[in-house]
């Protein structure tokens, strides 16, 4: 395994990484993708900063993902959903 670095979103600002993992506590936090409000919602902006650090691979994990949200994400044609 290669080097692993763990940063908070704030500490990663301006940096780039080959692979980024964003861990969300609940499915509703995916709203920064499904219903973005980057102008008024600070949490949306922070999550955007996190995902924009990825050069090669971005992984977003949530404990559960209902079929409706999965369909919305898949319709954006920017993600591959992998259920484990």
Protein backbone atom coordinates (compact mmCIF):
# COMPACT_ATOMS: atom_id res chain seq x y z
CA UNK A 1 0.00 0.00 0.00
CA UNK A 2 1.25 3.48 -0.85
CA UNK A 3 1.37 6.51 1.35
CA UNK A 4 -1.87 7.48 3.03
CA UNK A 5 -2.60 11.01 4.22
CA UNK A 6 -5.68 12.05 6.11
CA UNK A 7 -6.76 15.68 5.98
CA UNK A 8 -9.78 17.62 7.07
CA UNK A 9 -11.60 19.43 4.31
CA UNK A 10 -10.21 22.74 5.56
CA UNK A 11 -6.62 21.46 5.56
CA UNK A 12 -6.93 20.09 2.02
CA UNK A 13 -7.82 23.42 0.44
CA UNK A 14 -5.51 24.10 -2.49
CA UNK A 15 -4.00 20.59 -2.42
CA UNK A 16 -4.58 17.75 -4.89
CA UNK A 17 -4.44 14.01 -4.30
CA UNK A 18 -4.51 11.00 -6.61
CA UNK A 19 -7.37 9.44 -4.64
CA UNK A 20 -9.89 11.06 -2.33
CA UNK A 21 -12.45 9.42 -0.05
CA UNK A 22 -15.32 11.50 1.31
CA UNK A 23 -17.18 9.79 4.15
CA UNK A 24 -20.71 11.02 4.73
CA UNK A 25 -22.75 10.08 7.77
CA UNK A 26 -26.12 9.94 6.02
CA UNK A 27 -27.57 9.82 2.54
CA UNK A 28 -29.14 13.29 2.86
CA UNK A 29 -25.63 14.78 2.79
CA UNK A 30 -25.45 13.87 -0.90
CA UNK A 31 -27.69 16.89 -1.56
CA UNK A 32 -24.57 18.89 -2.46
CA UNK A 33 -24.62 16.79 -5.66
CA UNK A 34 -28.34 16.18 -6.16
CA UNK A 35 -29.49 19.70 -5.22
CA UNK A 36 -26.42 21.95 -4.97
CA UNK A 37 -26.46 25.38 -3.37
CA UNK A 38 -22.83 26.51 -3.49
CA UNK A 39 -23.73 30.16 -2.94
CA UNK A 40 -25.60 29.94 0.36
CA UNK A 41 -24.87 26.56 1.92
CA UNK A 42 -21.45 26.37 3.60
CA UNK A 43 -21.63 22.58 3.95
CA UNK A 44 -22.20 22.25 0.21
CA UNK A 45 -19.15 24.41 -0.48
CA UNK A 46 -17.00 22.39 1.91
CA UNK A 47 -18.01 19.09 0.34
CA UNK A 48 -17.32 20.52 -3.11
CA UNK A 49 -13.81 21.48 -1.92
CA UNK A 50 -13.34 17.90 -0.73
CA UNK A 51 -14.35 16.27 -4.01
CA UNK A 52 -12.45 18.76 -6.13
CA UNK A 53 -9.14 17.61 -4.60
CA UNK A 54 -9.25 14.28 -6.49
CA UNK A 55 -6.97 13.85 -9.51
CA UNK A 56 -7.69 10.22 -10.46
CA UNK A 57 -10.33 8.66 -8.22
CA UNK A 58 -13.05 10.02 -5.98
CA UNK A 59 -14.95 7.76 -3.62
CA UNK A 60 -17.98 8.92 -1.65
CA UNK A 61 -19.34 6.57 0.94
CA UNK A 62 -22.70 6.64 2.72
CA UNK A 63 -24.14 4.01 5.07
CA UNK A 64 -27.25 3.52 2.93
CA UNK A 65 -28.46 4.68 -0.46
CA UNK A 66 -32.09 4.36 -1.47
CA UNK A 67 -33.04 3.58 -5.04
CA UNK A 68 -34.53 7.04 -5.67
CA UNK A 69 -31.31 8.84 -4.76
CA UNK A 70 -29.29 6.28 -6.72
CA UNK A 71 -31.42 6.97 -9.81
CA UNK A 72 -30.88 10.72 -9.44
CA UNK A 73 -27.12 10.24 -9.15
CA UNK A 74 -26.99 7.84 -12.09
CA UNK A 75 -29.03 10.24 -14.24
CA UNK A 76 -26.28 12.85 -13.79
CA UNK A 77 -23.95 10.43 -15.62
CA UNK A 78 -20.97 11.37 -13.44
CA UNK A 79 -20.88 8.48 -10.95
CA UNK A 80 -20.67 4.73 -10.76
CA UNK A 81 -22.57 3.33 -7.81
CA UNK A 82 -21.05 0.30 -6.16
CA UNK A 83 -23.00 -1.39 -3.40
CA UNK A 84 -21.07 -3.52 -0.94
